[in-house]
Amino acid sequence: MTGSLERRAREVRQRRLVLTWEYRQRELAKGVWFRLRRVLADAQSAWAVDDADAQALLANGAEPIAVGQELEPRKRIFWVPSTRLENLASRRELSVRLSSELLATPNLVLVRYGG
């Protein structure tokens, strides 16, 4: 009986260590992919823009999404309404999924569903 209790206690401690590590990682590198996927899940469309249009968005009060700053190389990711997207001359549509094209884009503009 003592051997089986010790084994179960050891298993519980091991699971707890893994769980503790996973919770700690949520705000670090492991969590960034979850947060990026979560942002993309809310996007109806994704657009690549050049630095000039990204600067214009910043000047007009658009706030970059924090997850873009957690990636390397850093990206500026913005939520904008579809009406505001028409003013961005350099826009180029991307598919809304984790792809090499989307990850290589330094300035990303997203439109929410219904936006």
PDB file of N, CA and C in Angstrom:
ATOM      1  N   MET A   1       0.830  -1.198   0.000  1.00  0.00           N
ATOM      2  CA  MET A   1       0.000   0.000   0.000  1.00  0.00           C
ATOM      3  C   MET A   1       0.867   1.250   0.000  1.00  0.00           C
ATOM      4  N   THR A   2       1.918   1.272   0.751  1.00  0.00           N
ATOM      5  CA  THR A   2       2.779   2.444   0.833  1.00  0.00           C
ATOM      6  C   THR A   2       3.437   2.724  -0.515  1.00  0.00           C
ATOM      7  N   GLY A   3       3.854   1.679  -1.222  1.00  0.00           N
ATOM      8  CA  GLY A   3       4.493   1.856  -2.529  1.00  0.00           C
ATOM      9  C   GLY A   3       3.565   2.495  -3.546  1.00  0.00           C
ATOM     10  N   SER A   4       2.311   2.064  -3.564  1.00  0.00           N
ATOM     11  CA  SER A   4       1.366   2.628  -4.525  1.00  0.00           C
ATOM     12  C   SER A   4       1.021   4.077  -4.177  1.00  0.00           C
ATOM     13  N   LEU A   5       0.934   4.392  -2.882  1.00  0.00           N
ATOM     14  CA  LEU A   5       0.674   5.777  -2.485  1.00  0.00           C
ATOM     15  C   LEU A   5       1.843   6.685  -2.855  1.00  0.00           C
ATOM     16  N   GLU A   6       3.069   6.197  -2.663  1.00  0.00           N
ATOM     17  CA  GLU A   6       4.246   6.984  -3.039  1.00  0.00           C
ATOM     18  C   GLU A   6       4.280   7.219  -4.553  1.00  0.00           C
ATOM     19  N   ARG A   7       3.946   6.227  -5.326  1.00  0.00           N
ATOM     20  CA  ARG A   7       3.922   6.354  -6.784  1.00  0.00           C
ATOM     21  C   ARG A   7       2.875   7.383  -7.213  1.00  0.00           C
ATOM     22  N   ARG A   8       1.679   7.305  -6.617  1.00  0.00           N
ATOM     23  CA  ARG A   8       0.620   8.267  -6.945  1.00  0.00           C
ATOM     24  C   ARG A   8       1.009   9.682  -6.538  1.00  0.00           C
ATOM     25  N   ALA A   9       1.633   9.824  -5.387  1.00  0.00           N
ATOM     26  CA  ALA A   9       2.067  11.149  -4.938  1.00  0.00           C
ATOM     27  C   ALA A   9       3.117  11.717  -5.892  1.00  0.00           C
ATOM     28  N   ARG A  10       4.039  10.868  -6.329  1.00  0.00           N
ATOM     29  CA  ARG A  10       5.074  11.301  -7.276  1.00  0.00           C
ATOM     30  C   ARG A  10       4.429  11.745  -8.601  1.00  0.00           C
ATOM     31  N   GLU A  11       3.440  11.002  -9.091  1.00  0.00           N
ATOM     32  CA  GLU A  11       2.743  11.354 -10.322  1.00  0.00           C
ATOM     33  C   GLU A  11       2.001  12.688 -10.191  1.00  0.00           C
ATOM     34  N   VAL A  12       1.377  12.896  -9.042  1.00  0.00           N
ATOM     35  CA  VAL A  12       0.660  14.155  -8.798  1.00  0.00           C
ATOM     36  C   VAL A  12       1.642  15.318  -8.794  1.00  0.00           C
ATOM     37  N   ARG A  13       2.791  15.157  -8.139  1.00  0.00           N
ATOM     38  CA  ARG A  13       3.810  16.211  -8.113  1.00  0.00           C
ATOM     39  C   ARG A  13       4.341  16.502  -9.515  1.00  0.00           C
ATOM     40  N   GLN A  14       4.541  15.471 -10.317  1.00  0.00           N
ATOM     41  CA  GLN A  14       5.034  15.671 -11.679  1.00  0.00           C
ATOM     42  C   GLN A  14       4.013  16.437 -12.527  1.00  0.00           C
ATOM     43  N   ARG A  15       2.746  16.069 -12.407  1.00  0.00           N
ATOM     44  CA  ARG A  15       1.708  16.785 -13.162  1.00  0.00           C
ATOM     45  C   ARG A  15       1.629  18.235 -12.719  1.00  0.00           C
ATOM     46  N   ARG A  16       1.787  18.453 -11.428  1.00  0.00           N
ATOM     47  CA  ARG A  16       1.732  19.825 -10.901  1.00  0.00           C
ATOM     48  C   ARG A  16       2.905  20.653 -11.432  1.00  0.00           C
ATOM     49  N   LEU A  17       4.094  20.068 -11.523  1.00  0.00           N
ATOM     50  CA  LEU A  17       5.245  20.782 -12.077  1.00  0.00           C
ATOM     51  C   LEU A  17       5.012  21.170 -13.533  1.00  0.00           C
ATOM     52  N   VAL A  18       4.447  20.256 -14.304  1.00  0.00           N
ATOM     53  CA  VAL A  18       4.157  20.549 -15.712  1.00  0.00           C
ATOM     54  C   VAL A  18       3.119  21.659 -15.816  1.00  0.00           C
ATOM     55  N   LEU A  19       2.073  21.574 -15.031  1.00  0.00           N
ATOM     56  CA  LEU A  19       1.024  22.582 -15.042  1.00  0.00           C
ATOM     57  C   LEU A  19       1.564  23.948 -14.635  1.00  0.00           C
ATOM     58  N   THR A  20       2.410  23.994 -13.620  1.00  0.00           N
ATOM     59  CA  THR A  20       3.022  25.246 -13.187  1.00  0.00           C
ATOM     60  C   THR A  20       3.854  25.851 -14.307  1.00  0.00           C
ATOM     61  N   TRP A  21       4.634  25.026 -14.999  1.00  0.00           N
ATOM     62  CA  TRP A  21       5.458  25.499 -16.108  1.00  0.00           C
ATOM     63  C   TRP A  21       4.578  26.056 -17.220  1.00  0.00           C
ATOM     64  N   GLU A  22       3.473  25.366 -17.541  1.00  0.00           N
ATOM     65  CA  GLU A  22       2.594  25.829 -18.612  1.00  0.00           C
ATOM     66  C   GLU A  22       1.948  27.164 -18.266  1.00  0.00           C
ATOM     67  N   TYR A  23       1.508  27.344 -17.038  1.00  0.00           N
ATOM     68  CA  TYR A  23       0.924  28.623 -16.639  1.00  0.00           C
ATOM     69  C   TYR A  23       1.954  29.744 -16.712  1.00  0.00           C
ATOM     70  N   ARG A  24       3.183  29.460 -16.311  1.00  0.00           N
ATOM     71  CA  ARG A  24       4.242  30.469 -16.360  1.00  0.00           C
ATOM     72  C   ARG A  24       4.551  30.846 -17.805  1.00  0.00           C
ATOM     73  N   GLN A  25       4.470  29.900 -18.726  1.00  0.00           N
ATOM     74  CA  GLN A  25       4.793  30.138 -20.126  1.00  0.00           C
ATOM     75  C   GLN A  25       3.716  30.919 -20.878  1.00  0.00           C
ATOM     76  N   ARG A  26       2.526  31.034 -20.351  1.00  0.00           N
ATOM     77  CA  ARG A  26       1.450  31.744 -21.047  1.00  0.00           C
ATOM     78  C   ARG A  26       1.838  33.165 -21.407  1.00  0.00           C
ATOM     79  N   GLU A  27       2.590  33.831 -20.557  1.00  0.00           N
ATOM     80  CA  GLU A  27       2.995  35.201 -20.835  1.00  0.00           C
ATOM     81  C   GLU A  27       4.357  35.271 -21.520  1.00  0.00           C
ATOM     82  N   LEU A  28       4.948  34.128 -21.800  1.00  0.00           N
ATOM     83  CA  LEU A  28       6.246  34.102 -22.459  1.00  0.00           C
ATOM     84  C   LEU A  28       6.082  33.552 -23.869  1.00  0.00           C
ATOM     85  N   ALA A  29       7.118  33.025 -24.432  1.00  0.00           N
ATOM     86  CA  ALA A  29       7.128  32.597 -25.833  1.00  0.00           C
ATOM     87  C   ALA A  29       6.052  31.579 -26.165  1.00  0.00           C
ATOM     88  N   LYS A  30       5.790  30.648 -25.287  1.00  0.00           N
ATOM     89  CA  LYS A  30       4.806  29.624 -25.617  1.00  0.00           C
ATOM     90  C   LYS A  30       3.430  30.231 -25.832  1.00  0.00           C
ATOM     91  N   GLY A  31       3.091  31.216 -25.086  1.00  0.00           N
ATOM     92  CA  GLY A  31       1.772  31.818 -25.182  1.00  0.00           C
ATOM     93  C   GLY A  31       1.563  32.742 -26.363  1.00  0.00           C
ATOM     94  N   VAL A  32       2.638  33.186 -27.000  1.00  0.00           N
ATOM     95  CA  VAL A  32       2.488  34.143 -28.089  1.00  0.00           C
ATOM     96  C   VAL A  32       1.760  33.529 -29.280  1.00  0.00           C
ATOM     97  N   TRP A  33       1.989  32.279 -29.572  1.00  0.00           N
ATOM     98  CA  TRP A  33       1.312  31.649 -30.710  1.00  0.00           C
ATOM     99  C   TRP A  33      -0.164  31.496 -30.430  1.00  0.00           C
ATOM    100  N   PHE A  34      -0.519  31.177 -29.193  1.00  0.00           N
ATOM    101  CA  PHE A  34      -1.933  31.103 -28.830  1.00  0.00           C
ATOM    102  C   PHE A  34      -2.584  32.474 -28.990  1.00  0.00           C
ATOM    103  N   ARG A  35      -1.915  33.522 -28.493  1.00  0.00           N
ATOM    104  CA  ARG A  35      -2.484  34.868 -28.580  1.00  0.00           C
ATOM    105  C   ARG A  35      -2.589  35.335 -30.027  1.00  0.00           C
ATOM    106  N   LEU A  36      -1.600  35.003 -30.858  1.00  0.00           N
ATOM    107  CA  LEU A  36      -1.658  35.389 -32.267  1.00  0.00           C
ATOM    108  C   LEU A  36      -2.792  34.648 -32.982  1.00  0.00           C
ATOM    109  N   ARG A  37      -2.938  33.372 -32.731  1.00  0.00           N
ATOM    110  CA  ARG A  37      -4.039  32.621 -33.331  1.00  0.00           C
ATOM    111  C   ARG A  37      -5.385  33.175 -32.880  1.00  0.00           C
ATOM    112  N   ARG A  38      -5.463  33.598 -31.623  1.00  0.00           N
ATOM    113  CA  ARG A  38      -6.704  34.164 -31.087  1.00  0.00           C
ATOM    114  C   ARG A  38      -7.057  35.461 -31.816  1.00  0.00           C
ATOM    115  N   VAL A  39      -6.061  36.298 -32.078  1.00  0.00           N
ATOM    116  CA  VAL A  39      -6.288  37.537 -32.819  1.00  0.00           C
ATOM    117  C   VAL A  39      -6.756  37.215 -34.241  1.00  0.00           C
ATOM    118  N   LEU A  40      -6.095  36.270 -34.890  1.00  0.00           N
ATOM    119  CA  LEU A  40      -6.463  35.912 -36.261  1.00  0.00           C
ATOM    120  C   LEU A  40      -7.861  35.289 -36.330  1.00  0.00           C
ATOM    121  N   ALA A  41      -8.284  34.623 -35.277  1.00  0.00           N
ATOM    122  CA  ALA A  41      -9.613  34.012 -35.258  1.00  0.00           C
ATOM    123  C   ALA A  41     -10.710  35.071 -35.301  1.00  0.00           C
ATOM    124  N   ASP A  42     -10.427  36.269 -34.812  1.00  0.00           N
ATOM    125  CA  ASP A  42     -11.403  37.353 -34.820  1.00  0.00           C
ATOM    126  C   ASP A  42     -11.361  38.179 -36.101  1.00  0.00           C
ATOM    127  N   ALA A  43     -10.421  37.885 -37.000  1.00  0.00           N
ATOM    128  CA  ALA A  43     -10.222  38.695 -38.200  1.00  0.00           C
ATOM    129  C   ALA A  43     -11.007  38.157 -39.388  1.00  0.00           C
ATOM    130  N   GLN A  44     -11.699  39.049 -40.054  1.00  0.00           N
ATOM    131  CA  GLN A  44     -12.407  38.714 -41.283  1.00  0.00           C
ATOM    132  C   GLN A  44     -11.441  38.764 -42.466  1.00  0.00           C
ATOM    133  N   SER A  45     -10.529  39.754 -42.447  1.00  0.00           N
ATOM    134  CA  SER A  45      -9.550  39.879 -43.522  1.00  0.00           C
ATOM    135  C   SER A  45      -8.241  40.416 -42.950  1.00  0.00           C
ATOM    136  N   ALA A  46      -7.164  40.131 -43.671  1.00  0.00           N
ATOM    137  CA  ALA A  46      -5.825  40.579 -43.266  1.00  0.00           C
ATOM    138  C   ALA A  46      -5.171  41.257 -44.459  1.00  0.00           C
ATOM    139  N   TRP A  47      -4.443  42.328 -44.181  1.00  0.00           N
ATOM    140  CA  TRP A  47      -3.840  43.123 -45.240  1.00  0.00           C
ATOM    141  C   TRP A  47      -2.423  43.511 -44.849  1.00  0.00           C
ATOM    142  N   ALA A  48      -1.518  43.416 -45.792  1.00  0.00           N
ATOM    143  CA  ALA A  48      -0.156  43.903 -45.599  1.00  0.00           C
ATOM    144  C   ALA A  48      -0.113  45.346 -46.093  1.00  0.00           C
ATOM    145  N   VAL A  49       0.547  46.201 -45.342  1.00  0.00           N
ATOM    146  CA  VAL A  49       0.719  47.601 -45.761  1.00  0.00           C
ATOM    147  C   VAL A  49       2.178  47.983 -45.597  1.00  0.00           C
ATOM    148  N   ASP A  50       2.575  49.063 -46.260  1.00  0.00           N
ATOM    149  CA  ASP A  50       3.960  49.505 -46.146  1.00  0.00           C
ATOM    150  C   ASP A  50       4.142  50.366 -44.895  1.00  0.00           C
ATOM    151  N   ASP A  51       5.386  50.768 -44.644  1.00  0.00           N
ATOM    152  CA  ASP A  51       5.703  51.532 -43.432  1.00  0.00           C
ATOM    153  C   ASP A  51       5.004  52.889 -43.403  1.00  0.00           C
ATOM    154  N   ALA A  52       4.842  53.525 -44.563  1.00  0.00           N
ATOM    155  CA  ALA A  52       4.190  54.836 -44.608  1.00  0.00           C
ATOM    156  C   ALA A  52       2.729  54.741 -44.158  1.00  0.00           C
ATOM    157  N   ASP A  53       2.024  53.732 -44.638  1.00  0.00           N
ATOM    158  CA  ASP A  53       0.633  53.557 -44.210  1.00  0.00           C
ATOM    159  C   ASP A  53       0.538  53.164 -42.738  1.00  0.00           C
ATOM    160  N   ALA A  54       1.486  52.377 -42.255  1.00  0.00           N
ATOM    161  CA  ALA A  54       1.500  52.015 -40.829  1.00  0.00           C
ATOM    162  C   ALA A  54       1.741  53.255 -39.975  1.00  0.00           C
ATOM    163  N   GLN A  55       2.633  54.117 -40.421  1.00  0.00           N
ATOM    164  CA  GLN A  55       2.881  55.374 -39.694  1.00  0.00           C
ATOM    165  C   GLN A  55       1.630  56.250 -39.708  1.00  0.00           C
ATOM    166  N   ALA A  56       0.927  56.272 -40.836  1.00  0.00           N
ATOM    167  CA  ALA A  56      -0.312  57.054 -40.922  1.00  0.00           C
ATOM    168  C   ALA A  56      -1.357  56.519 -39.939  1.00  0.00           C
ATOM    169  N   LEU A  57      -1.450  55.213 -39.826  1.00  0.00           N
ATOM    170  CA  LEU A  57      -2.380  54.632 -38.853  1.00  0.00           C
ATOM    171  C   LEU A  57      -2.010  55.044 -37.429  1.00  0.00           C
ATOM    172  N   LEU A  58      -0.705  54.992 -37.125  1.00  0.00           N
ATOM    173  CA  LEU A  58      -0.252  55.415 -35.790  1.00  0.00           C
ATOM    174  C   LEU A  58      -0.580  56.885 -35.542  1.00  0.00           C
ATOM    175  N   ALA A  59      -0.361  57.721 -36.550  1.00  0.00           N
ATOM    176  CA  ALA A  59      -0.630  59.155 -36.415  1.00  0.00           C
ATOM    177  C   ALA A  59      -2.116  59.434 -36.224  1.00  0.00           C
ATOM    178  N   ASN A  60      -2.968  58.579 -36.771  1.00  0.00           N
ATOM    179  CA  ASN A  60      -4.413  58.761 -36.637  1.00  0.00           C
ATOM    180  C   ASN A  60      -4.990  58.081 -35.403  1.00  0.00           C
ATOM    181  N   GLY A  61      -4.119  57.587 -34.530  1.00  0.00           N
ATOM    182  CA  GLY A  61      -4.573  57.057 -33.253  1.00  0.00           C
ATOM    183  C   GLY A  61      -4.781  55.558 -33.177  1.00  0.00           C
ATOM    184  N   ALA A  62      -4.434  54.827 -34.214  1.00  0.00           N
ATOM    185  CA  ALA A  62      -4.566  53.364 -34.148  1.00  0.00           C
ATOM    186  C   ALA A  62      -3.479  52.806 -33.236  1.00  0.00           C
ATOM    187  N   GLU A  63      -3.877  51.920 -32.348  1.00  0.00           N
ATOM    188  CA  GLU A  63      -2.939  51.308 -31.410  1.00  0.00           C
ATOM    189  C   GLU A  63      -2.519  49.936 -31.922  1.00  0.00           C
ATOM    190  N   PRO A  64      -1.216  49.654 -31.976  1.00  0.00           N
ATOM    191  CA  PRO A  64      -0.791  48.307 -32.379  1.00  0.00           C
ATOM    192  C   PRO A  64      -1.203  47.275 -31.329  1.00  0.00           C
ATOM    193  N   ILE A  65      -1.545  46.095 -31.792  1.00  0.00           N
ATOM    194  CA  ILE A  65      -1.908  44.999 -30.903  1.00  0.00           C
ATOM    195  C   ILE A  65      -0.631  44.489 -30.243  1.00  0.00           C
ATOM    196  N   ALA A  66      -0.677  44.222 -28.961  1.00  0.00           N
ATOM    197  CA  ALA A  66       0.510  43.848 -28.191  1.00  0.00           C
ATOM    198  C   ALA A  66       1.197  42.587 -28.692  1.00  0.00           C
ATOM    199  N   VAL A  67       0.450  41.633 -29.218  1.00  0.00           N
ATOM    200  CA  VAL A  67       1.058  40.363 -29.621  1.00  0.00           C
ATOM    201  C   VAL A  67       2.086  40.567 -30.735  1.00  0.00           C
ATOM    202  N   GLY A  68       1.920  41.587 -31.551  1.00  0.00           N
ATOM    203  CA  GLY A  68       2.884  41.851 -32.615  1.00  0.00           C
ATOM    204  C   GLY A  68       4.253  42.221 -32.085  1.00  0.00           C
ATOM    205  N   GLN A  69       4.293  42.873 -30.927  1.00  0.00           N
ATOM    206  CA  GLN A  69       5.559  43.269 -30.321  1.00  0.00           C
ATOM    207  C   GLN A  69       6.260  42.109 -29.632  1.00  0.00           C
ATOM    208  N   GLU A  70       5.536  41.009 -29.427  1.00  0.00           N
ATOM    209  CA  GLU A  70       6.112  39.836 -28.778  1.00  0.00           C
ATOM    210  C   GLU A  70       6.777  38.897 -29.771  1.00  0.00           C
ATOM    211  N   LEU A  71       6.522  39.117 -31.067  1.00  0.00           N
ATOM    212  CA  LEU A  71       7.119  38.278 -32.102  1.00  0.00           C
ATOM    213  C   LEU A  71       8.507  38.783 -32.453  1.00  0.00           C
ATOM    214  N   GLU A  72       9.290  37.953 -33.088  1.00  0.00           N
ATOM    215  CA  GLU A  72      10.617  38.361 -33.532  1.00  0.00           C
ATOM    216  C   GLU A  72      10.776  37.929 -34.976  1.00  0.00           C
ATOM    217  N   PRO A  73      10.965  38.802 -35.929  1.00  0.00           N
ATOM    218  CA  PRO A  73      11.045  40.253 -35.778  1.00  0.00           C
ATOM    219  C   PRO A  73       9.672  40.834 -35.416  1.00  0.00           C
ATOM    220  N   ARG A  74       9.731  41.958 -34.730  1.00  0.00           N
ATOM    221  CA  ARG A  74       8.508  42.595 -34.245  1.00  0.00           C
ATOM    222  C   ARG A  74       7.641  43.048 -35.409  1.00  0.00           C
ATOM    223  N   LYS A  75       6.345  43.003 -35.183  1.00  0.00           N
ATOM    224  CA  LYS A  75       5.379  43.397 -36.199  1.00  0.00           C
ATOM    225  C   LYS A  75       4.413  44.406 -35.618  1.00  0.00           C
ATOM    226  N   ARG A  76       3.940  45.273 -36.481  1.00  0.00           N
ATOM    227  CA  ARG A  76       2.876  46.191 -36.088  1.00  0.00           C
ATOM    228  C   ARG A  76       1.584  45.611 -36.655  1.00  0.00           C
ATOM    229  N   ILE A  77       0.696  45.220 -35.752  1.00  0.00           N
ATOM    230  CA  ILE A  77      -0.592  44.640 -36.127  1.00  0.00           C
ATOM    231  C   ILE A  77      -1.678  45.584 -35.616  1.00  0.00           C
ATOM    232  N   PHE A  78      -2.565  45.980 -36.510  1.00  0.00           N
ATOM    233  CA  PHE A  78      -3.613  46.944 -36.171  1.00  0.00           C
ATOM    234  C   PHE A  78      -4.985  46.353 -36.469  1.00  0.00           C
ATOM    235  N   TRP A  79      -5.972  46.740 -35.644  1.00  0.00           N
ATOM    236  CA  TRP A  79      -7.378  46.518 -35.964  1.00  0.00           C
ATOM    237  C   TRP A  79      -7.879  47.811 -36.583  1.00  0.00           C
ATOM    238  N   VAL A  80      -8.512  47.735 -37.738  1.00  0.00           N
ATOM    239  CA  VAL A  80      -9.117  48.924 -38.341  1.00  0.00           C
ATOM    240  C   VAL A  80     -10.477  48.543 -38.900  1.00  0.00           C
ATOM    241  N   PRO A  81     -11.388  49.504 -38.955  1.00  0.00           N
ATOM    242  CA  PRO A  81     -12.670  49.241 -39.613  1.00  0.00           C
ATOM    243  C   PRO A  81     -12.463  49.153 -41.131  1.00  0.00           C
ATOM    244  N   SER A  82     -13.318  48.445 -41.817  1.00  0.00           N
ATOM    245  CA  SER A  82     -13.152  48.257 -43.259  1.00  0.00           C
ATOM    246  C   SER A  82     -13.214  49.581 -44.018  1.00  0.00           C
ATOM    247  N   THR A  83     -13.950  50.569 -43.504  1.00  0.00           N
ATOM    248  CA  THR A  83     -14.019  51.872 -44.171  1.00  0.00           C
ATOM    249  C   THR A  83     -12.676  52.588 -44.135  1.00  0.00           C
ATOM    250  N   ARG A  84     -11.939  52.404 -43.079  1.00  0.00           N
ATOM    251  CA  ARG A  84     -10.627  53.048 -42.945  1.00  0.00           C
ATOM    252  C   ARG A  84      -9.573  52.352 -43.802  1.00  0.00           C
ATOM    253  N   LEU A  85      -9.803  51.108 -44.109  1.00  0.00           N
ATOM    254  CA  LEU A  85      -8.876  50.332 -44.925  1.00  0.00           C
ATOM    255  C   LEU A  85      -8.773  50.896 -46.337  1.00  0.00           C
ATOM    256  N   GLU A  86      -9.852  51.489 -46.828  1.00  0.00           N
ATOM    257  CA  GLU A  86      -9.865  52.036 -48.190  1.00  0.00           C
ATOM    258  C   GLU A  86      -8.864  53.165 -48.378  1.00  0.00           C
ATOM    259  N   ASN A  87      -8.461  53.827 -47.280  1.00  0.00           N
ATOM    260  CA  ASN A  87      -7.509  54.940 -47.356  1.00  0.00           C
ATOM    261  C   ASN A  87      -6.057  54.477 -47.436  1.00  0.00           C
ATOM    262  N   LEU A  88      -5.809  53.196 -47.301  1.00  0.00           N
ATOM    263  CA  LEU A  88      -4.443  52.671 -47.309  1.00  0.00           C
ATOM    264  C   LEU A  88      -4.082  52.216 -48.721  1.00  0.00           C
ATOM    265  N   ALA A  89      -3.310  53.045 -49.405  1.00  0.00           N
ATOM    266  CA  ALA A  89      -3.006  52.800 -50.825  1.00  0.00           C
ATOM    267  C   ALA A  89      -2.151  51.556 -51.042  1.00  0.00           C
ATOM    268  N   SER A  90      -1.299  51.221 -50.096  1.00  0.00           N
ATOM    269  CA  SER A  90      -0.359  50.114 -50.287  1.00  0.00           C
ATOM    270  C   SER A  90      -0.921  48.753 -49.862  1.00  0.00           C
ATOM    271  N   ARG A  91      -2.183  48.700 -49.496  1.00  0.00           N
ATOM    272  CA  ARG A  91      -2.752  47.459 -48.954  1.00  0.00           C
ATOM    273  C   ARG A  91      -2.690  46.321 -49.971  1.00  0.00           C
ATOM    274  N   ARG A  92      -2.390  45.149 -49.437  1.00  0.00           N
ATOM    275  CA  ARG A  92      -2.340  43.917 -50.232  1.00  0.00           C
ATOM    276  C   ARG A  92      -2.960  42.827 -49.378  1.00  0.00           C
ATOM    277  N   GLU A  93      -3.977  42.180 -49.898  1.00  0.00           N
ATOM    278  CA  GLU A  93      -4.726  41.204 -49.094  1.00  0.00           C
ATOM    279  C   GLU A  93      -3.930  39.912 -48.900  1.00  0.00           C
ATOM    280  N   LEU A  94      -4.020  39.391 -47.685  1.00  0.00           N
ATOM    281  CA  LEU A  94      -3.393  38.121 -47.316  1.00  0.00           C
ATOM    282  C   LEU A  94      -4.480  37.173 -46.835  1.00  0.00           C
ATOM    283  N   SER A  95      -4.190  35.896 -46.861  1.00  0.00           N
ATOM    284  CA  SER A  95      -5.141  34.953 -46.277  1.00  0.00           C
ATOM    285  C   SER A  95      -4.999  34.999 -44.755  1.00  0.00           C
ATOM    286  N   VAL A  96      -6.129  34.845 -44.088  1.00  0.00           N
ATOM    287  CA  VAL A  96      -6.147  34.928 -42.627  1.00  0.00           C
ATOM    288  C   VAL A  96      -5.805  33.559 -42.055  1.00  0.00           C
ATOM    289  N   ARG A  97      -4.528  33.281 -41.968  1.00  0.00           N
ATOM    290  CA  ARG A  97      -4.034  32.026 -41.396  1.00  0.00           C
ATOM    291  C   ARG A  97      -2.556  32.208 -41.100  1.00  0.00           C
ATOM    292  N   LEU A  98      -2.039  31.381 -40.226  1.00  0.00           N
ATOM    293  CA  LEU A  98      -0.613  31.423 -39.927  1.00  0.00           C
ATOM    294  C   LEU A  98       0.134  30.875 -41.144  1.00  0.00           C
ATOM    295  N   SER A  99       0.736  31.760 -41.898  1.00  0.00           N
ATOM    296  CA  SER A  99       1.473  31.372 -43.093  1.00  0.00           C
ATOM    297  C   SER A  99       2.795  32.128 -43.117  1.00  0.00           C
ATOM    298  N   SER A 100       3.704  31.684 -43.953  1.00  0.00           N
ATOM    299  CA  SER A 100       4.993  32.364 -44.053  1.00  0.00           C
ATOM    300  C   SER A 100       4.807  33.782 -44.571  1.00  0.00           C
ATOM    301  N   GLU A 101       3.852  33.974 -45.468  1.00  0.00           N
ATOM    302  CA  GLU A 101       3.590  35.311 -46.006  1.00  0.00           C
ATOM    303  C   GLU A 101       3.097  36.249 -44.912  1.00  0.00           C
ATOM    304  N   LEU A 102       2.161  35.796 -44.108  1.00  0.00           N
ATOM    305  CA  LEU A 102       1.633  36.631 -43.030  1.00  0.00           C
ATOM    306  C   LEU A 102       2.708  36.906 -41.979  1.00  0.00           C
ATOM    307  N   LEU A 103       3.491  35.900 -41.632  1.00  0.00           N
ATOM    308  CA  LEU A 103       4.525  36.084 -40.610  1.00  0.00           C
ATOM    309  C   LEU A 103       5.680  36.941 -41.105  1.00  0.00           C
ATOM    310  N   ALA A 104       5.881  37.035 -42.414  1.00  0.00           N
ATOM    311  CA  ALA A 104       6.961  37.855 -42.961  1.00  0.00           C
ATOM    312  C   ALA A 104       6.557  39.320 -43.108  1.00  0.00           C
ATOM    313  N   THR A 105       5.287  39.612 -42.937  1.00  0.00           N
ATOM    314  CA  THR A 105       4.783  40.974 -43.108  1.00  0.00           C
ATOM    315  C   THR A 105       5.089  41.814 -41.873  1.00  0.00           C
ATOM    316  N   PRO A 106       5.836  42.914 -42.024  1.00  0.00           N
ATOM    317  CA  PRO A 106       6.148  43.736 -40.845  1.00  0.00           C
ATOM    318  C   PRO A 106       4.974  44.583 -40.353  1.00  0.00           C
ATOM    319  N   ASN A 107       4.047  44.934 -41.250  1.00  0.00           N
ATOM    320  CA  ASN A 107       2.888  45.757 -40.900  1.00  0.00           C
ATOM    321  C   ASN A 107       1.635  45.046 -41.365  1.00  0.00           C
ATOM    322  N   LEU A 108       0.809  44.665 -40.416  1.00  0.00           N
ATOM    323  CA  LEU A 108      -0.378  43.869 -40.713  1.00  0.00           C
ATOM    324  C   LEU A 108      -1.608  44.618 -40.223  1.00  0.00           C
ATOM    325  N   VAL A 109      -2.596  44.731 -41.095  1.00  0.00           N
ATOM    326  CA  VAL A 109      -3.860  45.391 -40.756  1.00  0.00           C
ATOM    327  C   VAL A 109      -4.952  44.337 -40.811  1.00  0.00           C
ATOM    328  N   LEU A 110      -5.726  44.258 -39.734  1.00  0.00           N
ATOM    329  CA  LEU A 110      -6.794  43.271 -39.638  1.00  0.00           C
ATOM    330  C   LEU A 110      -8.150  43.972 -39.542  1.00  0.00           C
ATOM    331  N   VAL A 111      -9.142  43.366 -40.153  1.00  0.00           N
ATOM    332  CA  VAL A 111     -10.516  43.842 -40.061  1.00  0.00           C
ATOM    333  C   VAL A 111     -11.322  42.782 -39.336  1.00  0.00           C
ATOM    334  N   ARG A 112     -12.011  43.201 -38.275  1.00  0.00           N
ATOM    335  CA  ARG A 112     -12.830  42.259 -37.506  1.00  0.00           C
ATOM    336  C   ARG A 112     -14.095  41.883 -38.280  1.00  0.00           C
ATOM    337  N   TYR A 113     -14.647  40.738 -37.925  1.00  0.00           N
ATOM    338  CA  TYR A 113     -15.942  40.365 -38.477  1.00  0.00           C
ATOM    339  C   TYR A 113     -16.960  41.443 -38.098  1.00  0.00           C
ATOM    340  N   GLY A 114     -17.733  41.851 -39.054  1.00  0.00           N
ATOM    341  CA  GLY A 114     -18.751  42.886 -38.812  1.00  0.00           C
ATOM    342  C   GLY A 114     -18.172  44.282 -38.752  1.00  0.00           C
ATOM    343  N   GLY A 115     -16.869  44.422 -39.024  1.00  0.00           N
ATOM    344  CA  GLY A 115     -16.222  45.737 -38.925  1.00  0.00           C
ATOM    345  C   GLY A 115     -15.969  46.271 -40.269  1.00  0.00           C
TER     346      GLY A 115
END
